[in-house]
PDB file of N, CA and C in Angstrom:
ATOM      1  N   MET A   1       1.493  37.086 -16.003  1.00  0.00           N
ATOM      2  CA  MET A   1       1.482  36.223 -16.144  1.00  0.00           C
ATOM      3  C   MET A   1       2.216  34.937 -14.672  1.00  0.00           C
ATOM      4  N   ALA A   2       1.571  33.791 -14.950  1.00  0.00           N
ATOM      5  CA  ALA A   2       1.962  33.234 -13.862  1.00  0.00           C
ATOM      6  C   ALA A   2       3.000  32.897 -13.385  1.00  0.00           C
ATOM      7  N   PRO A   3       3.555  32.382 -12.005  1.00  0.00           N
ATOM      8  CA  PRO A   3       4.514  31.834 -11.771  1.00  0.00           C
ATOM      9  C   PRO A   3       5.283  30.352 -12.269  1.00  0.00           C
ATOM     10  N   SER A   4       4.417  29.810 -12.501  1.00  0.00           N
ATOM     11  CA  SER A   4       4.454  29.079 -12.971  1.00  0.00           C
ATOM     12  C   SER A   4       5.474  28.985 -14.513  1.00  0.00           C
ATOM     13  N   THR A   5       4.568  30.010 -15.095  1.00  0.00           N
ATOM     14  CA  THR A   5       5.350  29.942 -16.281  1.00  0.00           C
ATOM     15  C   THR A   5       6.432  30.670 -16.743  1.00  0.00           C
ATOM     16  N   LEU A   6       7.162  31.395 -15.044  1.00  0.00           N
ATOM     17  CA  LEU A   6       8.505  32.267 -15.168  1.00  0.00           C
ATOM     18  C   LEU A   6       9.100  30.794 -14.380  1.00  0.00           C
ATOM     19  N   LEU A   7       8.899  29.783 -14.404  1.00  0.00           N
ATOM     20  CA  LEU A   7       9.894  28.911 -13.660  1.00  0.00           C
ATOM     21  C   LEU A   7       9.955  27.774 -14.277  1.00  0.00           C
ATOM     22  N   ARG A   8       9.407  27.719 -15.708  1.00  0.00           N
ATOM     23  CA  ARG A   8       9.511  26.151 -16.385  1.00  0.00           C
ATOM     24  C   ARG A   8      10.436  26.220 -17.123  1.00  0.00           C
ATOM     25  N   PRO A   9      11.223  27.557 -17.497  1.00  0.00           N
ATOM     26  CA  PRO A   9      12.544  27.650 -17.844  1.00  0.00           C
ATOM     27  C   PRO A   9      13.493  26.579 -17.074  1.00  0.00           C
ATOM     28  N   PHE A  10      13.596  26.923 -15.538  1.00  0.00           N
ATOM     29  CA  PHE A  10      14.410  26.144 -14.757  1.00  0.00           C
ATOM     30  C   PHE A  10      13.261  25.172 -14.257  1.00  0.00           C
ATOM     31  N   SER A  11      13.046  23.847 -14.672  1.00  0.00           N
ATOM     32  CA  SER A  11      11.628  23.306 -14.027  1.00  0.00           C
ATOM     33  C   SER A  11      13.777  21.675 -14.437  1.00  0.00           C
ATOM     34  N   GLY A  12      13.930  21.881 -15.408  1.00  0.00           N
ATOM     35  CA  GLY A  12      14.974  20.876 -15.455  1.00  0.00           C
ATOM     36  C   GLY A  12      16.430  20.735 -14.744  1.00  0.00           C
ATOM     37  N   LEU A  13      16.563  22.400 -14.230  1.00  0.00           N
ATOM     38  CA  LEU A  13      17.888  22.160 -12.839  1.00  0.00           C
ATOM     39  C   LEU A  13      17.022  21.673 -11.190  1.00  0.00           C
ATOM     40  N   LEU A  14      15.242  22.048 -12.006  1.00  0.00           N
ATOM     41  CA  LEU A  14      15.268  21.336 -10.062  1.00  0.00           C
ATOM     42  C   LEU A  14      14.726  19.752 -10.719  1.00  0.00           C
ATOM     43  N   ALA A  15      14.315  19.289 -11.432  1.00  0.00           N
ATOM     44  CA  ALA A  15      14.597  17.867 -11.788  1.00  0.00           C
ATOM     45  C   ALA A  15      15.352  17.089 -11.547  1.00  0.00           C
ATOM     46  N   PRO A  16      15.463  15.939 -10.947  1.00  0.00           N
ATOM     47  CA  PRO A  16      16.397  14.875 -10.915  1.00  0.00           C
ATOM     48  C   PRO A  16      17.297  14.622 -12.369  1.00  0.00           C
ATOM     49  N   ALA A  17      18.472  14.507 -11.895  1.00  0.00           N
ATOM     50  CA  ALA A  17      19.389  14.136 -13.223  1.00  0.00           C
ATOM     51  C   ALA A  17      18.537  12.917 -13.798  1.00  0.00           C
ATOM     52  N   ARG A  18      18.402  12.118 -15.074  1.00  0.00           N
ATOM     53  CA  ARG A  18      18.128  11.074 -15.498  1.00  0.00           C
ATOM     54  C   ARG A  18      18.633  10.566 -16.695  1.00  0.00           C
ATOM     55  N   LEU A  19      19.163   9.186 -16.273  1.00  0.00           N
ATOM     56  CA  LEU A  19      19.925   8.458 -17.305  1.00  0.00           C
ATOM     57  C   LEU A  19      19.220   7.870 -18.471  1.00  0.00           C
ATOM     58  N   ARG A  20      20.130   7.811 -19.533  1.00  0.00           N
ATOM     59  CA  ARG A  20      19.332   7.193 -20.799  1.00  0.00           C
ATOM     60  C   ARG A  20      18.989   5.683 -20.461  1.00  0.00           C
ATOM     61  N   SER A  21      18.554   5.223 -21.045  1.00  0.00           N
ATOM     62  CA  SER A  21      18.275   3.496 -21.335  1.00  0.00           C
ATOM     63  C   SER A  21      19.609   3.128 -21.969  1.00  0.00           C
ATOM     64  N   GLY A  22      19.994   1.800 -21.407  1.00  0.00           N
ATOM     65  CA  GLY A  22      20.801   1.796 -22.366  1.00  0.00           C
ATOM     66  C   GLY A  22      22.362   2.218 -22.073  1.00  0.00           C
ATOM     67  N   LEU A  23      22.910   3.476 -21.283  1.00  0.00           N
ATOM     68  CA  LEU A  23      24.022   4.114 -21.549  1.00  0.00           C
ATOM     69  C   LEU A  23      24.058   3.420 -20.018  1.00  0.00           C
ATOM     70  N   LEU A  24      25.206   3.415 -19.685  1.00  0.00           N
ATOM     71  CA  LEU A  24      26.223   2.863 -18.070  1.00  0.00           C
ATOM     72  C   LEU A  24      26.387   3.804 -17.637  1.00  0.00           C
ATOM     73  N   ALA A  25      26.448   4.101 -16.141  1.00  0.00           N
ATOM     74  CA  ALA A  25      27.184   5.544 -15.816  1.00  0.00           C
ATOM     75  C   ALA A  25      28.965   4.915 -15.344  1.00  0.00           C
ATOM     76  N   ARG A  26      29.794   5.530 -15.587  1.00  0.00           N
ATOM     77  CA  ARG A  26      31.317   5.306 -14.823  1.00  0.00           C
ATOM     78  C   ARG A  26      31.423   5.977 -14.152  1.00  0.00           C
ATOM     79  N   SER A  27      32.032   5.917 -12.865  1.00  0.00           N
ATOM     80  CA  SER A  27      32.759   6.582 -11.769  1.00  0.00           C
ATOM     81  C   SER A  27      33.823   7.376 -12.372  1.00  0.00           C
ATOM     82  N   LYS A  28      34.235   8.705 -11.906  1.00  0.00           N
ATOM     83  CA  LYS A  28      35.391   9.040 -12.340  1.00  0.00           C
ATOM     84  C   LYS A  28      36.885   8.499 -11.397  1.00  0.00           C
ATOM     85  N   PHE A  29      36.426   8.164 -10.027  1.00  0.00           N
ATOM     86  CA  PHE A  29      36.989   7.589  -9.141  1.00  0.00           C
ATOM     87  C   PHE A  29      37.394   6.074  -8.994  1.00  0.00           C
ATOM     88  N   TYR A  30      38.508   5.570  -8.846  1.00  0.00           N
ATOM     89  CA  TYR A  30      38.441   3.826  -8.869  1.00  0.00           C
ATOM     90  C   TYR A  30      37.974   3.377  -7.456  1.00  0.00           C
ATOM     91  N   VAL A  31      38.001   2.717  -6.757  1.00  0.00           N
ATOM     92  CA  VAL A  31      37.763   1.771  -5.720  1.00  0.00           C
ATOM     93  C   VAL A  31      38.187   0.323  -5.668  1.00  0.00           C
ATOM     94  N   ARG A  32      39.826   1.003  -4.647  1.00  0.00           N
ATOM     95  CA  ARG A  32      40.246  -0.438  -4.695  1.00  0.00           C
ATOM     96  C   ARG A  32      40.191  -0.648  -3.086  1.00  0.00           C
ATOM     97  N   GLU A  33      40.922  -1.779  -2.842  1.00  0.00           N
ATOM     98  CA  GLU A  33      41.634  -2.023  -1.554  1.00  0.00           C
ATOM     99  C   GLU A  33      42.178  -1.481  -1.731  1.00  0.00           C
ATOM    100  N   PRO A  34      42.749  -1.397   0.010  1.00  0.00           N
ATOM    101  CA  PRO A  34      44.144  -0.862   0.495  1.00  0.00           C
ATOM    102  C   PRO A  34      44.976  -2.017   0.774  1.00  0.00           C
ATOM    103  N   PRO A  35      46.505  -2.085   0.096  1.00  0.00           N
ATOM    104  CA  PRO A  35      47.281  -2.824   0.611  1.00  0.00           C
ATOM    105  C   PRO A  35      47.131  -3.711   1.617  1.00  0.00           C
ATOM    106  N   ASN A  36      46.648  -3.688   2.650  1.00  0.00           N
ATOM    107  CA  ASN A  36      46.776  -4.008   4.066  1.00  0.00           C
ATOM    108  C   ASN A  36      48.135  -4.793   4.078  1.00  0.00           C
ATOM    109  N   SER A  37      48.410  -5.499   3.598  1.00  0.00           N
ATOM    110  CA  SER A  37      49.547  -6.537   3.353  1.00  0.00           C
ATOM    111  C   SER A  37      51.193  -5.656   4.095  1.00  0.00           C
ATOM    112  N   LYS A  38      50.943  -4.504   3.210  1.00  0.00           N
ATOM    113  CA  LYS A  38      52.396  -3.447   2.847  1.00  0.00           C
ATOM    114  C   LYS A  38      52.172  -2.460   3.624  1.00  0.00           C
ATOM    115  N   PRO A  39      51.940  -2.076   4.227  1.00  0.00           N
ATOM    116  CA  PRO A  39      52.070  -1.157   5.070  1.00  0.00           C
ATOM    117  C   PRO A  39      52.897   0.367   4.843  1.00  0.00           C
ATOM    118  N   ASP A  40      52.557   1.671   4.195  1.00  0.00           N
ATOM    119  CA  ASP A  40      52.932   2.737   3.805  1.00  0.00           C
ATOM    120  C   ASP A  40      53.621   3.044   5.259  1.00  0.00           C
ATOM    121  N   TRP A  41      55.035   2.492   5.410  1.00  0.00           N
ATOM    122  CA  TRP A  41      55.523   2.984   6.696  1.00  0.00           C
ATOM    123  C   TRP A  41      55.554   4.303   6.753  1.00  0.00           C
ATOM    124  N   LEU A  42      56.489   5.262   6.115  1.00  0.00           N
ATOM    125  CA  LEU A  42      56.273   6.619   5.964  1.00  0.00           C
ATOM    126  C   LEU A  42      55.290   7.158   6.471  1.00  0.00           C
ATOM    127  N   LYS A  43      54.015   6.652   6.063  1.00  0.00           N
ATOM    128  CA  LYS A  43      52.979   7.364   6.807  1.00  0.00           C
ATOM    129  C   LYS A  43      52.616   7.426   7.756  1.00  0.00           C
ATOM    130  N   VAL A  44      52.676   5.745   7.737  1.00  0.00           N
ATOM    131  CA  VAL A  44      52.741   5.623   9.628  1.00  0.00           C
ATOM    132  C   VAL A  44      53.216   6.396  10.438  1.00  0.00           C
ATOM    133  N   GLY A  45      54.849   6.293  10.110  1.00  0.00           N
ATOM    134  CA  GLY A  45      55.764   7.507  11.326  1.00  0.00           C
ATOM    135  C   GLY A  45      55.572   8.293  10.660  1.00  0.00           C
ATOM    136  N   LEU A  46      55.076   9.344   9.876  1.00  0.00           N
ATOM    137  CA  LEU A  46      54.505  10.707   9.869  1.00  0.00           C
ATOM    138  C   LEU A  46      53.540  11.188  11.222  1.00  0.00           C
ATOM    139  N   THR A  47      52.113   9.978  11.191  1.00  0.00           N
ATOM    140  CA  THR A  47      50.923  10.067  12.032  1.00  0.00           C
ATOM    141  C   THR A  47      51.192  10.522  13.263  1.00  0.00           C
ATOM    142  N   LEU A  48      52.227   8.976  13.159  1.00  0.00           N
ATOM    143  CA  LEU A  48      52.173   8.777  14.980  1.00  0.00           C
ATOM    144  C   LEU A  48      52.999  10.095  15.532  1.00  0.00           C
ATOM    145  N   GLY A  49      53.957   9.972  14.462  1.00  0.00           N
ATOM    146  CA  GLY A  49      55.213  11.518  14.872  1.00  0.00           C
ATOM    147  C   GLY A  49      54.597  12.935  15.600  1.00  0.00           C
ATOM    148  N   THR A  50      53.147  12.874  14.394  1.00  0.00           N
ATOM    149  CA  THR A  50      52.050  14.392  14.368  1.00  0.00           C
ATOM    150  C   THR A  50      51.302  14.122  15.619  1.00  0.00           C
ATOM    151  N   THR A  51      51.074  12.838  15.870  1.00  0.00           N
ATOM    152  CA  THR A  51      50.305  12.532  16.729  1.00  0.00           C
ATOM    153  C   THR A  51      50.890  13.129  18.528  1.00  0.00           C
ATOM    154  N   ALA A  52      51.586  12.310  18.722  1.00  0.00           N
ATOM    155  CA  ALA A  52      53.002  12.310  20.389  1.00  0.00           C
ATOM    156  C   ALA A  52      53.775  14.560  19.805  1.00  0.00           C
ATOM    157  N   PHE A  53      53.634  14.451  18.934  1.00  0.00           N
ATOM    158  CA  PHE A  53      54.134  16.572  18.681  1.00  0.00           C
ATOM    159  C   PHE A  53      52.860  16.802  19.392  1.00  0.00           C
ATOM    160  N   LEU A  54      52.157  16.831  18.966  1.00  0.00           N
ATOM    161  CA  LEU A  54      50.592  17.571  18.973  1.00  0.00           C
ATOM    162  C   LEU A  54      50.065  16.687  21.060  1.00  0.00           C
ATOM    163  N   TRP A  55      50.530  16.201  21.117  1.00  0.00           N
ATOM    164  CA  TRP A  55      50.021  15.335  22.561  1.00  0.00           C
ATOM    165  C   TRP A  55      50.677  16.206  23.521  1.00  0.00           C
ATOM    166  N   VAL A  56      52.056  16.599  23.469  1.00  0.00           N
ATOM    167  CA  VAL A  56      52.897  16.844  23.936  1.00  0.00           C
ATOM    168  C   VAL A  56      52.707  18.490  24.149  1.00  0.00           C
ATOM    169  N   TYR A  57      52.823  19.169  22.702  1.00  0.00           N
ATOM    170  CA  TYR A  57      52.184  20.442  22.464  1.00  0.00           C
ATOM    171  C   TYR A  57      51.141  20.822  23.659  1.00  0.00           C
ATOM    172  N   LEU A  58      50.321  20.239  23.027  1.00  0.00           N
ATOM    173  CA  LEU A  58      49.257  20.466  24.340  1.00  0.00           C
ATOM    174  C   LEU A  58      49.442  20.064  25.535  1.00  0.00           C
ATOM    175  N   ILE A  59      50.346  19.419  26.355  1.00  0.00           N
ATOM    176  CA  ILE A  59      50.207  19.561  27.003  1.00  0.00           C
ATOM    177  C   ILE A  59      50.691  20.490  28.326  1.00  0.00           C
ATOM    178  N   LYS A  60      52.090  21.240  27.380  1.00  0.00           N
ATOM    179  CA  LYS A  60      52.716  22.048  27.817  1.00  0.00           C
ATOM    180  C   LYS A  60      52.343  22.625  27.891  1.00  0.00           C
ATOM    181  N   GLN A  61      51.374  23.109  26.535  1.00  0.00           N
ATOM    182  CA  GLN A  61      50.247  24.674  26.623  1.00  0.00           C
ATOM    183  C   GLN A  61      49.530  24.377  28.104  1.00  0.00           C
ATOM    184  N   HIS A  62      48.877  23.400  28.410  1.00  0.00           N
ATOM    185  CA  HIS A  62      47.772  23.429  29.322  1.00  0.00           C
ATOM    186  C   HIS A  62      48.634  23.984  30.635  1.00  0.00           C
ATOM    187  N   ASN A  63      49.480  23.337  30.716  1.00  0.00           N
ATOM    188  CA  ASN A  63      50.218  23.286  31.870  1.00  0.00           C
ATOM    189  C   ASN A  63      50.951  25.046  32.349  1.00  0.00           C
ATOM    190  N   GLU A  64      51.105  25.951  31.041  1.00  0.00           N
ATOM    191  CA  GLU A  64      51.620  27.211  30.916  1.00  0.00           C
ATOM    192  C   GLU A  64      50.369  27.605  31.536  1.00  0.00           C
ATOM    193  N   ASP A  65      49.083  27.708  30.706  1.00  0.00           N
ATOM    194  CA  ASP A  65      47.478  27.974  30.841  1.00  0.00           C
ATOM    195  C   ASP A  65      47.283  27.908  32.572  1.00  0.00           C
ATOM    196  N   VAL A  66      47.833  26.715  33.039  1.00  0.00           N
ATOM    197  CA  VAL A  66      47.252  26.806  34.713  1.00  0.00           C
ATOM    198  C   VAL A  66      47.576  27.532  35.207  1.00  0.00           C
ATOM    199  N   LEU A  67      49.364  27.640  35.251  1.00  0.00           N
ATOM    200  CA  LEU A  67      50.262  28.659  35.710  1.00  0.00           C
ATOM    201  C   LEU A  67      50.144  29.580  35.588  1.00  0.00           C
ATOM    202  N   GLU A  68      49.750  30.317  34.159  1.00  0.00           N
ATOM    203  CA  GLU A  68      49.208  31.587  34.113  1.00  0.00           C
ATOM    204  C   GLU A  68      47.451  32.285  34.339  1.00  0.00           C
ATOM    205  N   TYR A  69      46.876  31.430  35.132  1.00  0.00           N
ATOM    206  CA  TYR A  69      45.712  31.341  35.509  1.00  0.00           C
ATOM    207  C   TYR A  69      45.932  31.552  37.445  1.00  0.00           C
ATOM    208  N   LYS A  70      46.822  30.497  37.841  1.00  0.00           N
ATOM    209  CA  LYS A  70      46.443  30.719  38.965  1.00  0.00           C
ATOM    210  C   LYS A  70      47.645  31.813  39.626  1.00  0.00           C
ATOM    211  N   ARG A  71      48.583  32.549  38.626  1.00  0.00           N
ATOM    212  CA  ARG A  71      48.976  33.981  38.755  1.00  0.00           C
ATOM    213  C   ARG A  71      48.502  34.597  38.907  1.00  0.00           C
ATOM    214  N   ARG A  72      47.842  35.489  37.745  1.00  0.00           N
ATOM    215  CA  ARG A  72      47.061  36.006  37.877  1.00  0.00           C
ATOM    216  C   ARG A  72      45.414  36.407  39.231  1.00  0.00           C
ATOM    217  N   ASN A  73      44.720  35.108  39.347  1.00  0.00           N
ATOM    218  CA  ASN A  73      44.000  34.817  40.261  1.00  0.00           C
ATOM    219  C   ASN A  73      44.668  35.192  42.165  1.00  0.00           C
ATOM    220  N   GLY A  74      46.262  35.030  41.722  1.00  0.00           N
ATOM    221  CA  GLY A  74      46.545  35.185  43.125  1.00  0.00           C
ATOM    222  C   GLY A  74      46.598  33.943  44.055  1.00  0.00           C
ATOM    223  N   LEU A  75      46.194  32.922  43.074  1.00  0.00           N
ATOM    224  CA  LEU A  75      46.762  31.482  43.561  1.00  0.00           C
ATOM    225  C   LEU A  75      48.004  30.773  44.040  1.00  0.00           C
ATOM    226  N   GLU A  76      48.922  31.208  43.599  1.00  0.00           N
ATOM    227  CA  GLU A  76      49.813  30.753  43.969  1.00  0.00           C
ATOM    228  C   GLU A  76      51.052  31.519  44.666  1.00  0.00           C
TER     229      GLU A  76
END
């Protein structure tokens, strides 16, 4: 049996999807412009607060790591 005859049942899976003529495709998702005139202040506050917290934590962790490095290598 030739390999092409074995793959024939699966050729529909490999072919690109086609729309029937006359039918329109609709998206599941609606695209809307975000309301720029009314920002969501809760999201803004949470985003800025989280960013500030992460930067403070990153700098604190870095300083602790530098002190540990100096302690282990006898630099302090």
